[in-house]
């Protein structure tokens, strides 16, 4: 679906929802001027909200971003499949046919709009300018209902008796002085654009009917006999009625108008319900931007390669990945513990701190049926230094409680933001970190100012692991794989020591993970106040068949 169709669909969705809101909350009150403003706002917001871009804010909110993530699955399912046909003739798609039908409707209604404009100009041409009770009017030579268009008031004088002249003139003067023709023109143009939407036709009818309410209300304020005015309306009911762009003395909704004239005025406190319009408009704005973010996410997921270390083997068919499940995956202890885990294990890269680089790295991973993490990748990047650290800490997480559908564990794609934040003043940040950086009783630092790193960086580490991991034969045969979480110390000279398994999978895989960790070349050691120190490091080793 093209962006133009998506925009048009969003506009018409807004019109339908706003019309439902109007019918539910506003139709029965007597706040006619408020209703006029609200109806025009409904149309304006319907065209405006799809254009407002708050995607950056949506991406910063984990819950909103997760909703966009879920929506991305439906985008993927909605993609059309193109197949080749043996015949040479091209068959137009449904969207192409819909486009032609839509264009025909727009052209037909536009011609009707122009004809109505020309009809008004013709009546102005054949009509004779005169005065009625001091008001300049256009006297028509043919019998028709009184009507107005902007400042012009058209009346067939032989039709009116002296008793009704003042009432009819006041009615049409109200239309002219309050510029009701602007509302009519706006609703007509939008109706041409959204002609296929039945709610727009209904909305246009409500706009015109409310303008009649406004004019009737003005007449009632200036007349002593409301019943007599209603009898005059009934007297016009048998006159040849016309519909067009002008505000005519309409009797098509005469019953509604008479009921509204006799209705008791609504209490002023009832206006507060119009404030409910704001949450509805806000919800539409959020949904529109979540949909836009979902398309960006879905595209990014397809394009980004997985940074996970793998051993190439014949790939068996894997179970499908779901994004919506009955029971969502959960970090051990809940999201609060997850945030604590990230806070304890993230090592803010010293170079990023020096350059005052901060932001929210959005990661995406698959939580397997056993709760382990696989296929961690970056969905939204901030800087390579922060991206690498975010991936490292995500891959080192313990097993989650897996997601479930109908009570069965399933593979779930999960999005998790990792926030890197510095204080405004870098010196204060360094002092803050230095105050917390203390070794344990064995002289080992869990947090350092300048974290240890593999020579050449994260990418070189992945290449080294891929080149040196030897997948155990027994695990190959049994197709056993997963993530072994290791922990080791990096000495002052960069050598690896005291490697151990924090979370194992299988004795053979655990042993191979320890072997490859212990054979790694020397790292660049961690530093505190510029001096090398002994620091600890947590790193996952992924075995994938």
Protein backbone atom coordinates (compact mmCIF):
# COMPACT_ATOMS: atom_id res chain seq x y z
CA UNK A 1 0.00 0.00 0.00
CA UNK A 2 1.41 3.36 -1.04
CA UNK A 3 1.95 6.22 1.45
CA UNK A 4 -0.85 8.19 -0.21
CA UNK A 5 -3.38 5.40 0.39
CA UNK A 6 -2.16 4.96 3.97
CA UNK A 7 -2.61 8.69 4.58
CA UNK A 8 -6.12 8.66 3.06
CA UNK A 9 -7.04 5.62 5.14
CA UNK A 10 -5.89 7.37 8.33
CA UNK A 11 -7.85 10.52 7.43
CA UNK A 12 -11.08 8.59 6.90
CA UNK A 13 -10.53 6.56 10.07
CA UNK A 14 -10.27 9.83 11.99
CA UNK A 15 -13.46 11.16 10.39
CA UNK A 16 -15.36 7.98 11.29
CA UNK A 17 -14.19 8.07 14.92
CA UNK A 18 -14.89 11.78 15.32
CA UNK A 19 -18.37 11.36 13.85
CA UNK A 20 -19.08 8.59 16.36
CA UNK A 21 -17.79 10.88 19.13
CA UNK A 22 -20.08 13.68 17.93
CA UNK A 23 -23.17 11.45 17.80
CA UNK A 24 -22.42 10.05 21.24
CA UNK A 25 -21.61 13.25 23.13
CA UNK A 26 -22.60 16.37 21.22
CA UNK A 27 -25.71 15.79 19.11
CA UNK A 28 -28.32 16.44 21.79
CA UNK A 29 -27.00 19.62 23.43
CA UNK A 30 -27.79 23.23 22.49
CA UNK A 31 -24.21 24.55 22.34
CA UNK A 32 -24.54 25.27 18.62
CA UNK A 33 -21.50 27.53 18.34
CA UNK A 34 -19.34 25.00 20.22
CA UNK A 35 -20.64 22.28 17.94
CA UNK A 36 -19.75 24.33 14.88
CA UNK A 37 -16.18 24.75 16.13
CA UNK A 38 -15.92 21.08 17.10
CA UNK A 39 -17.15 19.82 13.71
CA UNK A 40 -14.59 21.94 11.84
CA UNK A 41 -11.86 20.82 14.27
CA UNK A 42 -12.82 17.18 13.65
CA UNK A 43 -12.21 17.61 9.94
CA UNK A 44 -9.00 19.60 10.43
CA UNK A 45 -7.48 17.15 12.93
CA UNK A 46 -8.40 14.19 10.69
CA UNK A 47 -6.20 15.63 7.94
CA UNK A 48 -3.47 16.87 10.29
CA UNK A 49 -2.75 14.01 12.70
CA UNK A 50 -1.26 11.60 10.09
CA UNK A 51 1.29 14.32 9.21
CA UNK A 52 2.50 14.96 12.78
CA UNK A 53 5.75 13.11 13.48
CA UNK A 54 6.40 11.99 17.06
CA UNK A 55 8.25 8.84 16.03
CA UNK A 56 11.35 9.84 18.00
CA UNK A 57 9.28 10.07 21.20
CA UNK A 58 7.59 6.73 20.47
CA UNK A 59 10.99 5.05 20.03
CA UNK A 60 12.11 6.44 23.39
CA UNK A 61 9.19 4.75 25.19
CA UNK A 62 9.77 0.99 25.67
CA UNK A 63 6.04 0.17 25.86
CA UNK A 64 5.22 2.14 22.72
CA UNK A 65 8.17 0.65 20.89
CA UNK A 66 7.03 -2.86 21.85
CA UNK A 67 3.57 -2.11 20.42
CA UNK A 68 5.22 -0.98 17.20
CA UNK A 69 7.19 -4.20 17.25
CA UNK A 70 4.00 -6.24 17.48
CA UNK A 71 2.42 -4.28 14.67
CA UNK A 72 5.41 -5.02 12.41
CA UNK A 73 4.31 -8.66 12.16
CA UNK A 74 1.03 -7.62 10.56
CA UNK A 75 2.90 -5.47 8.04
CA UNK A 76 4.94 -8.48 7.01
CA UNK A 77 1.80 -10.60 6.62
CA UNK A 78 0.18 -7.90 4.51
CA UNK A 79 2.89 -7.83 1.85
CA UNK A 80 1.57 -8.92 -1.55
CA UNK A 81 3.12 -11.81 -3.45
CA UNK A 82 4.03 -11.21 -7.07
CA UNK A 83 3.79 -14.17 -9.41
CA UNK A 84 4.49 -14.49 -13.10
CA UNK A 85 1.67 -15.28 -15.53
CA UNK A 86 1.90 -17.11 -18.80
CA UNK A 87 -0.18 -14.53 -20.64
CA UNK A 88 1.45 -11.35 -21.88
CA UNK A 89 -1.41 -9.03 -20.89
CA UNK A 90 -0.98 -7.26 -17.59
CA UNK A 91 -3.82 -7.66 -15.11
CA UNK A 92 -4.30 -4.50 -13.01
CA UNK A 93 -4.07 -5.00 -9.28
CA UNK A 94 -6.95 -4.33 -6.91
CA UNK A 95 -5.19 -1.20 -5.67
CA UNK A 96 -4.92 0.10 -9.26
CA UNK A 97 -8.62 -0.53 -9.90
CA UNK A 98 -9.49 1.12 -6.58
CA UNK A 99 -7.39 4.11 -7.63
CA UNK A 100 -9.29 4.45 -10.91
CA UNK A 101 -12.67 4.18 -9.16
CA UNK A 102 -11.62 6.74 -6.56
CA UNK A 103 -10.44 9.15 -9.26
CA UNK A 104 -13.72 8.81 -11.20
CA UNK A 105 -15.67 9.65 -8.04
CA UNK A 106 -13.51 12.71 -7.32
CA UNK A 107 -13.90 13.98 -10.88
CA UNK A 108 -17.68 13.46 -10.89
CA UNK A 109 -18.20 15.25 -7.57
CA UNK A 110 -15.82 18.04 -8.57
CA UNK A 111 -17.89 18.66 -11.72
CA UNK A 112 -21.03 18.69 -9.57
CA UNK A 113 -19.35 21.22 -7.27
CA UNK A 114 -18.49 23.50 -10.21
CA UNK A 115 -22.01 23.23 -11.65
CA UNK A 116 -23.48 24.30 -8.31
CA UNK A 117 -21.13 27.29 -8.18
CA UNK A 118 -22.13 28.30 -11.71
CA UNK A 119 -25.79 27.87 -10.77
CA UNK A 120 -25.40 30.37 -7.92
CA UNK A 121 -23.63 32.84 -10.23
CA UNK A 122 -26.44 32.42 -12.76
CA UNK A 123 -29.09 33.20 -10.12
CA UNK A 124 -27.10 36.26 -9.13
CA UNK A 125 -27.09 37.29 -12.78
CA UNK A 126 -30.82 36.83 -13.42
CA UNK A 127 -31.86 38.13 -9.98
CA UNK A 128 -32.68 41.75 -9.31
CA UNK A 129 -30.97 43.61 -6.45
CA UNK A 130 -33.47 45.26 -4.13
CA UNK A 131 -34.03 46.02 -0.45
CA UNK A 132 -36.26 44.29 2.07
CA UNK A 133 -36.69 45.92 5.49
CA UNK A 134 -33.48 47.84 4.90
CA UNK A 135 -31.47 44.73 3.92
CA UNK A 136 -30.06 44.37 0.42
CA UNK A 137 -31.27 41.15 -1.19
CA UNK A 138 -31.42 39.46 -4.60
CA UNK A 139 -35.02 39.07 -5.75
CA UNK A 140 -35.45 35.89 -7.81
CA UNK A 141 -37.83 35.64 -10.76
CA UNK A 142 -38.46 31.90 -10.21
CA UNK A 143 -40.09 30.18 -7.25
CA UNK A 144 -37.57 28.64 -4.86
CA UNK A 145 -36.79 28.59 -1.17
CA UNK A 146 -34.85 31.53 0.32
CA UNK A 147 -31.13 30.91 0.56
CA UNK A 148 -27.83 32.71 1.09
CA UNK A 149 -24.28 32.36 -0.20
CA UNK A 150 -21.66 34.37 1.67
CA UNK A 151 -23.03 37.97 1.58
CA UNK A 152 -25.75 37.32 -1.02
CA UNK A 153 -29.32 36.66 0.19
CA UNK A 154 -31.69 35.25 -2.47
CA UNK A 155 -35.46 35.43 -1.92
CA UNK A 156 -38.50 34.85 -4.11
CA UNK A 157 -40.61 37.72 -2.75
CA UNK A 158 -44.10 36.63 -3.92
CA UNK A 159 -43.65 33.52 -1.81
CA UNK A 160 -43.46 35.44 1.50
CA UNK A 161 -46.22 37.15 3.42
CA UNK A 162 -45.52 40.18 5.57
CA UNK A 163 -45.64 38.20 8.83
CA UNK A 164 -42.82 35.87 7.83
CA UNK A 165 -40.55 38.37 6.05
CA UNK A 166 -38.68 39.51 9.19
CA UNK A 167 -38.15 35.93 10.40
CA UNK A 168 -36.89 34.65 7.05
CA UNK A 169 -34.67 37.70 6.61
CA UNK A 170 -33.18 37.29 10.12
CA UNK A 171 -32.53 33.63 9.40
CA UNK A 172 -30.64 34.32 6.18
CA UNK A 173 -28.82 37.33 7.65
CA UNK A 174 -27.46 35.02 10.36
CA UNK A 175 -26.08 32.68 7.71
CA UNK A 176 -24.46 35.59 5.89
CA UNK A 177 -23.05 37.46 8.90
CA UNK A 178 -21.60 34.36 10.56
CA UNK A 179 -19.99 33.19 7.29
CA UNK A 180 -21.73 29.83 7.32
CA UNK A 181 -20.88 29.37 3.65
CA UNK A 182 -17.26 28.74 4.67
CA UNK A 183 -18.36 25.66 6.62
CA UNK A 184 -20.42 24.48 3.65
CA UNK A 185 -17.55 24.90 1.17
CA UNK A 186 -15.03 23.16 3.47
CA UNK A 187 -17.34 20.21 4.10
CA UNK A 188 -18.13 19.92 0.39
CA UNK A 189 -14.45 19.88 -0.64
CA UNK A 190 -13.57 17.30 2.02
CA UNK A 191 -16.57 15.25 0.96
CA UNK A 192 -15.19 15.19 -2.58
CA UNK A 193 -11.83 13.92 -1.29
CA UNK A 194 -13.43 11.33 1.01
CA UNK A 195 -16.51 10.55 -1.09
CA UNK A 196 -16.21 6.78 -0.49
CA UNK A 197 -16.54 7.26 3.29
CA UNK A 198 -20.22 7.20 4.37
CA UNK A 199 -19.28 8.89 7.65
CA UNK A 200 -18.10 11.95 5.72
CA UNK A 201 -21.52 12.29 4.06
CA UNK A 202 -23.11 12.04 7.49
CA UNK A 203 -20.63 14.58 8.89
CA UNK A 204 -21.47 17.01 6.07
CA UNK A 205 -25.18 16.66 6.87
CA UNK A 206 -24.52 17.37 10.56
CA UNK A 207 -22.50 20.49 9.68
CA UNK A 208 -25.33 21.90 7.57
CA UNK A 209 -28.00 20.97 10.11
CA UNK A 210 -26.07 22.68 12.91
CA UNK A 211 -25.86 25.85 10.79
CA UNK A 212 -29.65 25.78 10.54
CA UNK A 213 -29.84 25.41 14.32
CA UNK A 214 -27.67 28.51 14.69
CA UNK A 215 -29.87 30.55 12.36
CA UNK A 216 -33.10 29.29 13.97
CA UNK A 217 -31.75 30.16 17.41
CA UNK A 218 -31.07 33.72 16.27
CA UNK A 219 -34.63 34.06 14.91
CA UNK A 220 -36.13 32.78 18.19
CA UNK A 221 -34.08 35.33 20.15
CA UNK A 222 -35.57 38.15 18.02
CA UNK A 223 -39.17 36.98 17.77
CA UNK A 224 -41.87 36.91 20.38
CA UNK A 225 -43.78 34.01 18.85
CA UNK A 226 -41.71 30.84 18.39
CA UNK A 227 -44.77 28.81 17.34
CA UNK A 228 -45.59 31.24 14.55
CA UNK A 229 -42.05 30.86 13.15
CA UNK A 230 -42.43 27.08 13.15
CA UNK A 231 -45.73 27.42 11.23
CA UNK A 232 -43.91 29.54 8.67
CA UNK A 233 -41.34 26.76 8.27
CA UNK A 234 -44.16 24.29 7.66
CA UNK A 235 -45.60 26.63 5.08
CA UNK A 236 -42.35 26.44 3.12
CA UNK A 237 -42.32 22.64 3.23
CA UNK A 238 -44.33 22.38 0.01
CA UNK A 239 -42.17 24.79 -1.90
CA UNK A 240 -39.78 23.39 -4.49
CA UNK A 241 -36.67 22.51 -2.49
CA UNK A 242 -33.14 22.77 -3.87
CA UNK A 243 -29.81 21.55 -2.58
CA UNK A 244 -26.47 23.11 -3.32
CA UNK A 245 -23.53 24.98 -1.88
CA UNK A 246 -25.67 27.78 -0.47
CA UNK A 247 -27.39 28.00 2.93
CA UNK A 248 -31.04 27.65 1.92
CA UNK A 249 -34.13 27.75 4.08
CA UNK A 250 -33.84 24.00 4.38
CA UNK A 251 -36.85 21.92 5.37
CA UNK A 252 -35.34 18.46 4.80
CA UNK A 253 -34.65 18.17 8.54
CA UNK A 254 -37.62 20.23 9.63
CA UNK A 255 -38.65 17.83 12.39
CA UNK A 256 -35.17 17.94 13.97
CA UNK A 257 -35.12 21.72 13.81
CA UNK A 258 -38.50 22.13 15.46
CA UNK A 259 -37.53 19.67 18.21
CA UNK A 260 -34.30 21.59 18.82
CA UNK A 261 -36.18 24.93 18.94
CA UNK A 262 -38.46 23.58 21.69
CA UNK A 263 -35.60 21.91 23.56
CA UNK A 264 -34.59 23.23 26.98
CA UNK A 265 -31.21 24.96 26.94
CA UNK A 266 -28.36 22.67 28.02
CA UNK A 267 -26.58 23.58 31.26
CA UNK A 268 -23.28 25.39 30.88
CA UNK A 269 -21.43 22.63 32.75
CA UNK A 270 -22.25 20.29 29.87
CA UNK A 271 -19.51 21.92 27.78
CA UNK A 272 -16.89 19.95 29.68
CA UNK A 273 -17.66 16.90 27.54
CA UNK A 274 -16.02 18.64 24.57
CA UNK A 275 -12.70 18.21 26.40
CA UNK A 276 -12.98 14.47 25.73
CA UNK A 277 -12.09 15.28 22.15
CA UNK A 278 -8.44 15.81 23.17
CA UNK A 279 -7.76 12.21 24.38
CA UNK A 280 -9.32 10.83 21.19
CA UNK A 281 -7.11 13.03 19.01
CA UNK A 282 -4.05 12.06 21.10
CA UNK A 283 -4.86 8.34 20.73
CA UNK A 284 -5.13 8.72 16.95
CA UNK A 285 -1.78 10.52 16.86
CA UNK A 286 -0.10 7.75 18.89
CA UNK A 287 -1.57 4.96 16.79
CA UNK A 288 -0.54 6.71 13.58
CA UNK A 289 3.07 7.10 14.71
CA UNK A 290 3.25 3.58 16.16
CA UNK A 291 2.21 2.28 12.74
CA UNK A 292 4.91 4.39 11.06
CA UNK A 293 7.58 3.23 13.53
CA UNK A 294 6.49 -0.39 12.97
CA UNK A 295 7.29 -0.12 9.28
CA UNK A 296 10.74 1.26 10.10
CA UNK A 297 11.35 -1.54 12.60
CA UNK A 298 10.22 -4.22 10.17
CA UNK A 299 12.56 -2.87 7.49
CA UNK A 300 15.48 -2.61 9.93
CA UNK A 301 14.95 -6.17 11.13
CA UNK A 302 15.22 -7.46 7.56
CA UNK A 303 18.36 -5.48 6.76
CA UNK A 304 20.42 -5.89 9.94
CA UNK A 305 22.68 -8.96 10.19
CA UNK A 306 22.88 -10.88 13.44
CA UNK A 307 26.10 -10.30 15.45
CA UNK A 308 25.77 -13.67 17.22
CA UNK A 309 28.75 -16.00 17.04
CA UNK A 310 27.68 -19.14 15.19
CA UNK A 311 29.22 -22.34 13.92
CA UNK A 312 27.95 -22.93 10.38
CA UNK A 313 26.12 -26.26 10.08
CA UNK A 314 23.17 -27.62 8.18
CA UNK A 315 20.26 -25.59 9.51
CA UNK A 316 17.24 -27.60 10.61
CA UNK A 317 13.78 -26.10 10.38
CA UNK A 318 13.15 -23.90 13.41
CA UNK A 319 9.87 -23.30 15.11
CA UNK A 320 8.18 -19.99 14.23
CA UNK A 321 8.86 -16.82 16.19
CA UNK A 322 5.85 -15.06 17.68
CA UNK A 323 5.53 -11.45 18.80
CA UNK A 324 2.17 -11.62 20.56
CA UNK A 325 1.60 -14.32 23.16
CA UNK A 326 -0.72 -15.09 26.06
CA UNK A 327 2.07 -14.83 28.64
CA UNK A 328 4.92 -12.48 27.76
CA UNK A 329 8.54 -13.43 28.58
CA UNK A 330 9.82 -12.13 31.90
CA UNK A 331 13.26 -11.48 33.33
CA UNK A 332 13.87 -13.41 36.60
CA UNK A 333 12.35 -11.18 39.28
CA UNK A 334 10.57 -8.88 36.82
CA UNK A 335 11.48 -5.79 34.84
CA UNK A 336 12.81 -4.03 37.94
CA UNK A 337 15.45 -6.74 38.36
CA UNK A 338 16.21 -6.51 34.64
CA UNK A 339 16.97 -2.80 35.02
CA UNK A 340 19.18 -3.54 38.03
CA UNK A 341 21.04 -6.22 36.04
CA UNK A 342 21.71 -3.77 33.23
CA UNK A 343 22.84 -1.11 35.70
CA UNK A 344 25.28 -3.49 37.43
CA UNK A 345 26.75 -5.02 34.28
CA UNK A 346 26.99 -2.16 31.79
CA UNK A 347 30.53 -0.83 31.48
CA UNK A 348 30.23 2.65 30.00
CA UNK A 349 32.98 2.85 27.31
CA UNK A 350 35.58 5.39 28.40
CA UNK A 351 35.89 6.81 24.88
CA UNK A 352 32.14 7.36 24.75
CA UNK A 353 32.26 9.08 28.13
CA UNK A 354 35.10 11.32 27.00
CA UNK A 355 33.15 12.31 23.89
CA UNK A 356 29.96 12.69 25.97
CA UNK A 357 28.09 10.21 23.78
CA UNK A 358 24.81 9.06 25.27
CA UNK A 359 21.40 7.82 24.16
CA UNK A 360 19.07 4.85 24.04
CA UNK A 361 20.27 1.79 22.12
CA UNK A 362 17.31 -0.38 21.15
CA UNK A 363 18.17 -4.07 21.01
CA UNK A 364 16.12 -6.95 19.78
CA UNK A 365 16.50 -10.61 20.66
CA UNK A 366 14.73 -13.94 20.50
CA UNK A 367 13.81 -15.52 23.83
CA UNK A 368 13.88 -19.24 23.17
CA UNK A 369 11.51 -21.83 24.60
CA UNK A 370 14.02 -22.58 27.39
CA UNK A 371 14.37 -18.87 28.22
CA UNK A 372 17.82 -18.44 26.68
CA UNK A 373 18.72 -15.43 24.53
CA UNK A 374 19.57 -15.77 20.85
CA UNK A 375 19.95 -13.61 17.75
CA UNK A 376 20.57 -10.39 19.67
CA UNK A 377 20.84 -7.43 17.31
CA UNK A 378 20.65 -3.65 17.22
CA UNK A 379 17.38 -2.20 15.99
CA UNK A 380 18.24 1.42 16.73
CA UNK A 381 21.87 2.47 16.88
CA UNK A 382 23.42 5.36 18.79
CA UNK A 383 27.18 4.83 18.38
CA UNK A 384 29.29 1.69 17.66
CA UNK A 385 30.86 1.85 21.14
CA UNK A 386 27.48 1.93 22.89
CA UNK A 387 25.99 -0.60 20.46
CA UNK A 388 28.72 -3.16 21.20
CA UNK A 389 28.36 -2.75 24.95
CA UNK A 390 24.58 -3.05 24.74
CA UNK A 391 24.88 -6.29 22.76
CA UNK A 392 27.45 -7.68 25.19
CA UNK A 393 25.34 -7.07 28.27
CA UNK A 394 22.13 -8.33 26.60
CA UNK A 395 23.83 -11.54 25.50
CA UNK A 396 25.15 -12.10 29.03
CA UNK A 397 21.69 -12.02 30.63
CA UNK A 398 20.50 -15.10 32.52
CA UNK A 399 17.63 -17.22 31.21
CA UNK A 400 14.23 -15.57 31.14
CA UNK A 401 10.86 -17.12 31.90
CA UNK A 402 9.76 -17.98 28.34
CA UNK A 403 6.62 -16.65 26.68
CA UNK A 404 3.66 -18.97 26.33
CA UNK A 405 0.73 -19.49 23.99
CA UNK A 406 -2.07 -21.71 25.28
CA UNK A 407 0.21 -22.83 28.09
CA UNK A 408 3.04 -23.94 25.76
CA UNK A 409 6.44 -22.24 25.68
CA UNK A 410 7.18 -20.48 22.38
CA UNK A 411 10.00 -18.53 20.78
CA UNK A 412 9.34 -14.80 21.21
CA UNK A 413 10.95 -11.80 19.55
CA UNK A 414 11.53 -9.20 22.26
CA UNK A 415 12.68 -5.58 22.08
CA UNK A 416 14.69 -4.13 24.96
CA UNK A 417 16.09 -0.59 25.15
CA UNK A 418 19.46 -0.07 26.86
CA UNK A 419 19.94 3.51 28.03
CA UNK A 420 23.34 5.16 28.31
CA UNK A 421 23.12 8.45 30.19
CA UNK A 422 25.80 10.90 31.36
CA UNK A 423 25.51 13.83 33.71
CA UNK A 424 25.56 17.28 32.14
CA UNK A 425 29.07 17.97 33.36
CA UNK A 426 31.61 15.33 32.32
CA UNK A 427 33.93 16.05 35.26
CA UNK A 428 31.07 15.45 37.65
CA UNK A 429 30.41 12.16 35.85
CA UNK A 430 34.01 11.02 36.28
CA UNK A 431 34.00 12.03 39.95
CA UNK A 432 30.73 10.18 40.45
CA UNK A 433 32.18 7.03 38.93
CA UNK A 434 35.46 7.35 40.81
CA UNK A 435 33.60 7.56 44.10
CA UNK A 436 32.02 4.17 43.37
CA UNK A 437 35.04 2.44 41.80
CA UNK A 438 36.53 0.35 44.60
CA UNK A 439 38.11 -3.12 44.45
CA UNK A 440 36.83 -6.03 46.50
CA UNK A 441 38.84 -7.73 49.23
CA UNK A 442 40.89 -9.59 46.58
CA UNK A 443 41.78 -6.41 44.68
CA UNK A 444 39.43 -7.20 41.79
CA UNK A 445 37.41 -4.37 40.21
CA UNK A 446 33.83 -5.02 39.10
CA UNK A 447 33.61 -1.46 37.70
CA UNK A 448 36.48 0.42 36.06
CA UNK A 449 36.86 3.80 34.46
CA UNK A 450 38.31 2.40 31.24
CA UNK A 451 36.88 -1.08 30.61
CA UNK A 452 38.99 -3.93 29.31
CA UNK A 453 38.62 -4.69 25.61
CA UNK A 454 39.77 -7.20 23.05
CA UNK A 455 42.54 -6.00 20.69
CA UNK A 456 40.82 -4.64 17.61
CA UNK A 457 37.43 -4.34 19.27
CA UNK A 458 34.22 -6.33 19.42
CA UNK A 459 34.18 -7.39 15.75
CA UNK A 460 37.68 -8.87 16.00
CA UNK A 461 36.61 -10.80 19.10
CA UNK A 462 33.69 -12.34 17.19
CA UNK A 463 35.97 -13.29 14.30
CA UNK A 464 38.45 -14.92 16.70
CA UNK A 465 35.72 -16.95 18.41
CA UNK A 466 34.32 -18.13 15.09
CA UNK A 467 37.76 -19.23 13.94
CA UNK A 468 38.68 -21.08 17.14
CA UNK A 469 35.49 -22.68 18.49
CA UNK A 470 35.40 -26.43 17.87
CA UNK A 471 31.85 -27.69 18.11
CA UNK A 472 31.81 -30.96 20.16
CA UNK A 473 30.80 -33.97 18.04
CA UNK A 474 28.35 -35.40 20.56
CA UNK A 475 26.46 -32.08 20.71
CA UNK A 476 26.41 -31.90 16.91
CA UNK A 477 24.76 -35.30 16.68
CA UNK A 478 22.19 -34.49 19.33
CA UNK A 479 21.74 -30.97 17.90
CA UNK A 480 22.42 -29.32 21.24
CA UNK A 481 23.13 -25.61 21.15
CA UNK A 482 22.68 -22.47 23.17
CA UNK A 483 24.43 -19.76 25.09
CA UNK A 484 27.13 -20.50 27.65
CA UNK A 485 27.69 -17.54 29.99
CA UNK A 486 31.29 -17.27 31.14
CA UNK A 487 33.01 -15.06 33.68
CA UNK A 488 36.75 -14.44 33.86
CA UNK A 489 39.36 -12.04 35.18
CA UNK A 490 41.57 -9.85 33.02
CA UNK A 491 44.91 -9.32 34.74
CA UNK A 492 46.92 -6.12 34.73
CA UNK A 493 48.94 -7.42 31.77
CA UNK A 494 45.74 -8.34 29.85
CA UNK A 495 46.04 -12.12 30.36
CA UNK A 496 42.94 -14.24 31.05
CA UNK A 497 42.64 -16.16 34.31
CA UNK A 498 40.11 -17.87 36.57
CA UNK A 499 37.57 -18.48 33.81
CA UNK A 500 34.41 -20.19 35.01
CA UNK A 501 30.89 -20.98 33.88
CA UNK A 502 28.09 -18.82 35.21
CA UNK A 503 25.40 -20.61 33.24
CA UNK A 504 26.03 -23.82 31.38
CA UNK A 505 24.14 -25.88 28.79
CA UNK A 506 25.95 -29.21 28.37
CA UNK A 507 29.26 -30.47 29.83
CA UNK A 508 30.87 -30.68 26.37
CA UNK A 509 29.81 -27.16 25.40
CA UNK A 510 30.77 -25.77 28.80
CA UNK A 511 34.22 -27.36 28.51
CA UNK A 512 34.71 -25.98 24.98
CA UNK A 513 33.66 -22.50 26.12
CA UNK A 514 36.24 -22.57 28.93
CA UNK A 515 38.90 -23.86 26.56
CA UNK A 516 38.37 -21.11 24.02
CA UNK A 517 38.22 -18.40 26.72
CA UNK A 518 41.49 -19.58 28.30
CA UNK A 519 43.26 -19.61 24.91
CA UNK A 520 42.31 -16.05 23.97
CA UNK A 521 45.17 -13.62 23.33
CA UNK A 522 45.87 -10.90 25.86
CA UNK A 523 43.31 -8.12 26.17
CA UNK A 524 43.84 -4.44 26.79
CA UNK A 525 43.41 -4.34 30.59
CA UNK A 526 40.90 -2.23 32.45
CA UNK A 527 42.18 0.96 34.04
CA UNK A 528 41.40 3.09 37.07
CA UNK A 529 42.97 6.56 37.24
CA UNK A 530 45.07 5.59 34.21
CA UNK A 531 46.60 2.53 35.92
CA UNK A 532 45.98 -1.11 34.82
CA UNK A 533 43.93 -3.13 37.32
CA UNK A 534 42.53 -6.63 37.62
CA UNK A 535 38.92 -6.53 36.39
CA UNK A 536 36.20 -9.07 35.86
CA UNK A 537 34.32 -9.61 32.62
CA UNK A 538 31.14 -11.51 31.72
CA UNK A 539 30.87 -12.83 28.15
CA UNK A 540 28.44 -15.21 26.41
CA UNK A 541 29.74 -17.89 24.04
CA UNK A 542 27.03 -18.93 21.60
CA UNK A 543 26.87 -22.40 20.07
CA UNK A 544 24.38 -22.51 17.20
CA UNK A 545 23.61 -25.39 14.86
